Amino acid sequence: MGSTELIVILAIVVLVFGASSIPKLARSIGQARREFDKALKDDDKDLIDGNGEK
């Protein structure tokens, strides 16, 4: 994706959500990503330890 496309997408996001809600949206996306990554890591650890149910 080029920089022009990213700028257009960012402008659309600002118009849809409003400038004041962008930090809250980014924070919730980051938190969801951290939880997802942690769940993947825990699942891999269970499989390696032999505690996973398969």
PDB file of N, CA and C in Angstrom:
ATOM      1  N   MET A   1       0.837  -1.166   0.000  1.00  0.00           N
ATOM      2  CA  MET A   1       0.000   0.000   0.000  1.00  0.00           C
ATOM      3  C   MET A   1       0.887   1.235   0.000  1.00  0.00           C
ATOM      4  N   GLY A   2       0.531   2.172  -0.810  1.00  0.00           N
ATOM      5  CA  GLY A   2       1.306   3.399  -0.892  1.00  0.00           C
ATOM      6  C   GLY A   2       0.895   4.400   0.173  1.00  0.00           C
ATOM      7  N   SER A   3       1.676   5.456   0.274  1.00  0.00           N
ATOM      8  CA  SER A   3       1.389   6.464   1.292  1.00  0.00           C
ATOM      9  C   SER A   3       0.093   7.213   1.002  1.00  0.00           C
ATOM     10  N   THR A   4      -0.238   7.372  -0.270  1.00  0.00           N
ATOM     11  CA  THR A   4      -1.481   8.060  -0.616  1.00  0.00           C
ATOM     12  C   THR A   4      -2.690   7.273  -0.116  1.00  0.00           C
ATOM     13  N   GLU A   5      -2.674   5.960  -0.289  1.00  0.00           N
ATOM     14  CA  GLU A   5      -3.782   5.140   0.180  1.00  0.00           C
ATOM     15  C   GLU A   5      -3.911   5.197   1.695  1.00  0.00           C
ATOM     16  N   LEU A   6      -2.780   5.179   2.398  1.00  0.00           N
ATOM     17  CA  LEU A   6      -2.819   5.245   3.853  1.00  0.00           C
ATOM     18  C   LEU A   6      -3.396   6.571   4.338  1.00  0.00           C
ATOM     19  N   ILE A   7      -3.040   7.655   3.675  1.00  0.00           N
ATOM     20  CA  ILE A   7      -3.566   8.967   4.046  1.00  0.00           C
ATOM     21  C   ILE A   7      -5.071   9.023   3.820  1.00  0.00           C
ATOM     22  N   VAL A   8      -5.533   8.476   2.712  1.00  0.00           N
ATOM     23  CA  VAL A   8      -6.970   8.460   2.427  1.00  0.00           C
ATOM     24  C   VAL A   8      -7.708   7.618   3.467  1.00  0.00           C
ATOM     25  N   ILE A   9      -7.175   6.455   3.800  1.00  0.00           N
ATOM     26  CA  ILE A   9      -7.807   5.591   4.803  1.00  0.00           C
ATOM     27  C   ILE A   9      -7.846   6.286   6.159  1.00  0.00           C
ATOM     28  N   LEU A  10      -6.759   6.935   6.543  1.00  0.00           N
ATOM     29  CA  LEU A  10      -6.711   7.660   7.811  1.00  0.00           C
ATOM     30  C   LEU A  10      -7.737   8.784   7.839  1.00  0.00           C
ATOM     31  N   ALA A  11      -7.879   9.505   6.733  1.00  0.00           N
ATOM     32  CA  ALA A  11      -8.869  10.586   6.656  1.00  0.00           C
ATOM     33  C   ALA A  11     -10.285  10.039   6.805  1.00  0.00           C
ATOM     34  N   ILE A  12     -10.565   8.908   6.191  1.00  0.00           N
ATOM     35  CA  ILE A  12     -11.894   8.299   6.303  1.00  0.00           C
ATOM     36  C   ILE A  12     -12.157   7.859   7.740  1.00  0.00           C
ATOM     37  N   VAL A  13     -11.156   7.284   8.386  1.00  0.00           N
ATOM     38  CA  VAL A  13     -11.309   6.854   9.779  1.00  0.00           C
ATOM     39  C   VAL A  13     -11.602   8.054  10.672  1.00  0.00           C
ATOM     40  N   VAL A  14     -10.899   9.153  10.463  1.00  0.00           N
ATOM     41  CA  VAL A  14     -11.131  10.358  11.267  1.00  0.00           C
ATOM     42  C   VAL A  14     -12.540  10.885  11.033  1.00  0.00           C
ATOM     43  N   LEU A  15     -13.005  10.864   9.796  1.00  0.00           N
ATOM     44  CA  LEU A  15     -14.362  11.330   9.506  1.00  0.00           C
ATOM     45  C   LEU A  15     -15.423  10.428  10.130  1.00  0.00           C
ATOM     46  N   VAL A  16     -15.197   9.132  10.107  1.00  0.00           N
ATOM     47  CA  VAL A  16     -16.196   8.194  10.627  1.00  0.00           C
ATOM     48  C   VAL A  16     -16.231   8.212  12.154  1.00  0.00           C
ATOM     49  N   PHE A  17     -15.082   8.129  12.796  1.00  0.00           N
ATOM     50  CA  PHE A  17     -15.037   7.996  14.247  1.00  0.00           C
ATOM     51  C   PHE A  17     -14.867   9.322  14.977  1.00  0.00           C
ATOM     52  N   GLY A  18     -14.386  10.340  14.319  1.00  0.00           N
ATOM     53  CA  GLY A  18     -14.117  11.608  14.980  1.00  0.00           C
ATOM     54  C   GLY A  18     -12.729  11.600  15.593  1.00  0.00           C
ATOM     55  N   ALA A  19     -12.120  12.767  15.613  1.00  0.00           N
ATOM     56  CA  ALA A  19     -10.736  12.871  16.074  1.00  0.00           C
ATOM     57  C   ALA A  19     -10.592  12.536  17.558  1.00  0.00           C
ATOM     58  N   SER A  20     -11.611  12.810  18.354  1.00  0.00           N
ATOM     59  CA  SER A  20     -11.484  12.575  19.798  1.00  0.00           C
ATOM     60  C   SER A  20     -11.555  11.097  20.164  1.00  0.00           C
ATOM     61  N   SER A  21     -12.184  10.278  19.339  1.00  0.00           N
ATOM     62  CA  SER A  21     -12.309   8.862  19.693  1.00  0.00           C
ATOM     63  C   SER A  21     -11.201   7.998  19.102  1.00  0.00           C
ATOM     64  N   ILE A  22     -10.337   8.558  18.285  1.00  0.00           N
ATOM     65  CA  ILE A  22      -9.242   7.791  17.680  1.00  0.00           C
ATOM     66  C   ILE A  22      -8.304   7.202  18.743  1.00  0.00           C
ATOM     67  N   PRO A  23      -7.877   7.965  19.772  1.00  0.00           N
ATOM     68  CA  PRO A  23      -7.002   7.354  20.787  1.00  0.00           C
ATOM     69  C   PRO A  23      -7.660   6.190  21.522  1.00  0.00           C
ATOM     70  N   LYS A  24      -8.954   6.312  21.831  1.00  0.00           N
ATOM     71  CA  LYS A  24      -9.659   5.210  22.495  1.00  0.00           C
ATOM     72  C   LYS A  24      -9.725   3.991  21.589  1.00  0.00           C
ATOM     73  N   LEU A  25      -9.991   4.221  20.317  1.00  0.00           N
ATOM     74  CA  LEU A  25     -10.058   3.126  19.353  1.00  0.00           C
ATOM     75  C   LEU A  25      -8.705   2.433  19.229  1.00  0.00           C
ATOM     76  N   ALA A  26      -7.639   3.221  19.124  1.00  0.00           N
ATOM     77  CA  ALA A  26      -6.293   2.653  19.009  1.00  0.00           C
ATOM     78  C   ALA A  26      -5.920   1.874  20.266  1.00  0.00           C
ATOM     79  N   ARG A  27      -6.302   2.396  21.424  1.00  0.00           N
ATOM     80  CA  ARG A  27      -6.005   1.715  22.685  1.00  0.00           C
ATOM     81  C   ARG A  27      -6.722   0.371  22.761  1.00  0.00           C
ATOM     82  N   SER A  28      -7.986   0.340  22.366  1.00  0.00           N
ATOM     83  CA  SER A  28      -8.730  -0.920  22.432  1.00  0.00           C
ATOM     84  C   SER A  28      -8.217  -1.931  21.413  1.00  0.00           C
ATOM     85  N   ILE A  29      -7.794  -1.460  20.246  1.00  0.00           N
ATOM     86  CA  ILE A  29      -7.207  -2.366  19.252  1.00  0.00           C
ATOM     87  C   ILE A  29      -5.894  -2.941  19.778  1.00  0.00           C
ATOM     88  N   GLY A  30      -5.074  -2.098  20.400  1.00  0.00           N
ATOM     89  CA  GLY A  30      -3.813  -2.567  20.972  1.00  0.00           C
ATOM     90  C   GLY A  30      -4.020  -3.577  22.082  1.00  0.00           C
ATOM     91  N   GLN A  31      -5.015  -3.328  22.938  1.00  0.00           N
ATOM     92  CA  GLN A  31      -5.304  -4.258  24.022  1.00  0.00           C
ATOM     93  C   GLN A  31      -5.793  -5.595  23.474  1.00  0.00           C
ATOM     94  N   ALA A  32      -6.647  -5.554  22.473  1.00  0.00           N
ATOM     95  CA  ALA A  32      -7.137  -6.797  21.867  1.00  0.00           C
ATOM     96  C   ALA A  32      -5.989  -7.574  21.235  1.00  0.00           C
ATOM     97  N   ARG A  33      -5.075  -6.869  20.598  1.00  0.00           N
ATOM     98  CA  ARG A  33      -3.922  -7.531  19.972  1.00  0.00           C
ATOM     99  C   ARG A  33      -3.033  -8.195  21.015  1.00  0.00           C
ATOM    100  N   ARG A  34      -2.792  -7.485  22.142  1.00  0.00           N
ATOM    101  CA  ARG A  34      -1.975  -8.064  23.215  1.00  0.00           C
ATOM    102  C   ARG A  34      -2.628  -9.316  23.792  1.00  0.00           C
ATOM    103  N   GLU A  35      -3.947  -9.270  24.004  1.00  0.00           N
ATOM    104  CA  GLU A  35      -4.648 -10.434  24.534  1.00  0.00           C
ATOM    105  C   GLU A  35      -4.596 -11.603  23.553  1.00  0.00           C
ATOM    106  N   PHE A  36      -4.737 -11.309  22.273  1.00  0.00           N
ATOM    107  CA  PHE A  36      -4.673 -12.349  21.251  1.00  0.00           C
ATOM    108  C   PHE A  36      -3.290 -12.984  21.215  1.00  0.00           C
ATOM    109  N   ASP A  37      -2.241 -12.148  21.222  1.00  0.00           N
ATOM    110  CA  ASP A  37      -0.871 -12.669  21.203  1.00  0.00           C
ATOM    111  C   ASP A  37      -0.584 -13.501  22.453  1.00  0.00           C
ATOM    112  N   LYS A  38      -1.092 -13.051  23.614  1.00  0.00           N
ATOM    113  CA  LYS A  38      -0.883 -13.797  24.852  1.00  0.00           C
ATOM    114  C   LYS A  38      -1.582 -15.151  24.780  1.00  0.00           C
ATOM    115  N   ALA A  39      -2.789 -15.179  24.231  1.00  0.00           N
ATOM    116  CA  ALA A  39      -3.517 -16.443  24.106  1.00  0.00           C
ATOM    117  C   ALA A  39      -2.785 -17.404  23.178  1.00  0.00           C
ATOM    118  N   LEU A  40      -2.241 -16.896  22.084  1.00  0.00           N
ATOM    119  CA  LEU A  40      -1.469 -17.751  21.181  1.00  0.00           C
ATOM    120  C   LEU A  40      -0.234 -18.309  21.874  1.00  0.00           C
ATOM    121  N   LYS A  41       0.450 -17.456  22.631  1.00  0.00           N
ATOM    122  CA  LYS A  41       1.658 -17.879  23.332  1.00  0.00           C
ATOM    123  C   LYS A  41       1.326 -18.936  24.387  1.00  0.00           C
ATOM    124  N   ASP A  42       0.246 -18.720  25.132  1.00  0.00           N
ATOM    125  CA  ASP A  42      -0.158 -19.690  26.152  1.00  0.00           C
ATOM    126  C   ASP A  42      -0.561 -21.014  25.517  1.00  0.00           C
ATOM    127  N   ASP A  43      -1.243 -20.953  24.382  1.00  0.00           N
ATOM    128  CA  ASP A  43      -1.660 -22.173  23.694  1.00  0.00           C
ATOM    129  C   ASP A  43      -0.444 -22.953  23.205  1.00  0.00           C
ATOM    130  N   ASP A  44       0.537 -22.255  22.634  1.00  0.00           N
ATOM    131  CA  ASP A  44       1.758 -22.923  22.183  1.00  0.00           C
ATOM    132  C   ASP A  44       2.498 -23.549  23.357  1.00  0.00           C
ATOM    133  N   LYS A  45       2.523 -22.853  24.493  1.00  0.00           N
ATOM    134  CA  LYS A  45       3.202 -23.371  25.675  1.00  0.00           C
ATOM    135  C   LYS A  45       2.516 -24.643  26.165  1.00  0.00           C
ATOM    136  N   ASP A  46       1.179 -24.657  26.147  1.00  0.00           N
ATOM    137  CA  ASP A  46       0.444 -25.854  26.567  1.00  0.00           C
ATOM    138  C   ASP A  46       0.750 -27.033  25.651  1.00  0.00           C
ATOM    139  N   LEU A  47       0.841 -26.796  24.364  1.00  0.00           N
ATOM    140  CA  LEU A  47       1.138 -27.880  23.429  1.00  0.00           C
ATOM    141  C   LEU A  47       2.544 -28.422  23.637  1.00  0.00           C
ATOM    142  N   ILE A  48       3.491 -27.533  23.908  1.00  0.00           N
ATOM    143  CA  ILE A  48       4.875 -27.960  24.122  1.00  0.00           C
ATOM    144  C   ILE A  48       4.990 -28.744  25.429  1.00  0.00           C
ATOM    145  N   ASP A  49       4.298 -28.291  26.483  1.00  0.00           N
ATOM    146  CA  ASP A  49       4.349 -28.966  27.780  1.00  0.00           C
ATOM    147  C   ASP A  49       3.577 -30.274  27.788  1.00  0.00           C
ATOM    148  N   GLY A  50       2.752 -30.486  26.798  1.00  0.00           N
ATOM    149  CA  GLY A  50       1.956 -31.703  26.749  1.00  0.00           C
ATOM    150  C   GLY A  50       0.648 -31.594  27.501  1.00  0.00           C
ATOM    151  N   ASN A  51       0.279 -30.396  27.907  1.00  0.00           N
ATOM    152  CA  ASN A  51      -0.963 -30.206  28.650  1.00  0.00           C
ATOM    153  C   ASN A  51      -2.141 -29.896  27.740  1.00  0.00           C
ATOM    154  N   GLY A  52      -1.883 -29.692  26.475  1.00  0.00           N
ATOM    155  CA  GLY A  52      -2.955 -29.359  25.545  1.00  0.00           C
ATOM    156  C   GLY A  52      -3.813 -30.571  25.246  1.00  0.00           C
ATOM    157  N   GLU A  53      -5.068 -30.333  25.003  1.00  0.00           N
ATOM    158  CA  GLU A  53      -5.988 -31.426  24.694  1.00  0.00           C
ATOM    159  C   GLU A  53      -6.149 -31.530  23.198  1.00  0.00           C
ATOM    160  N   LYS A  54      -5.597 -32.557  22.612  1.00  0.00           N
ATOM    161  CA  LYS A  54      -5.723 -32.775  21.172  1.00  0.00           C
ATOM    162  C   LYS A  54      -6.048 -34.190  20.879  1.00  0.00           C
TER     163      LYS A  54
END
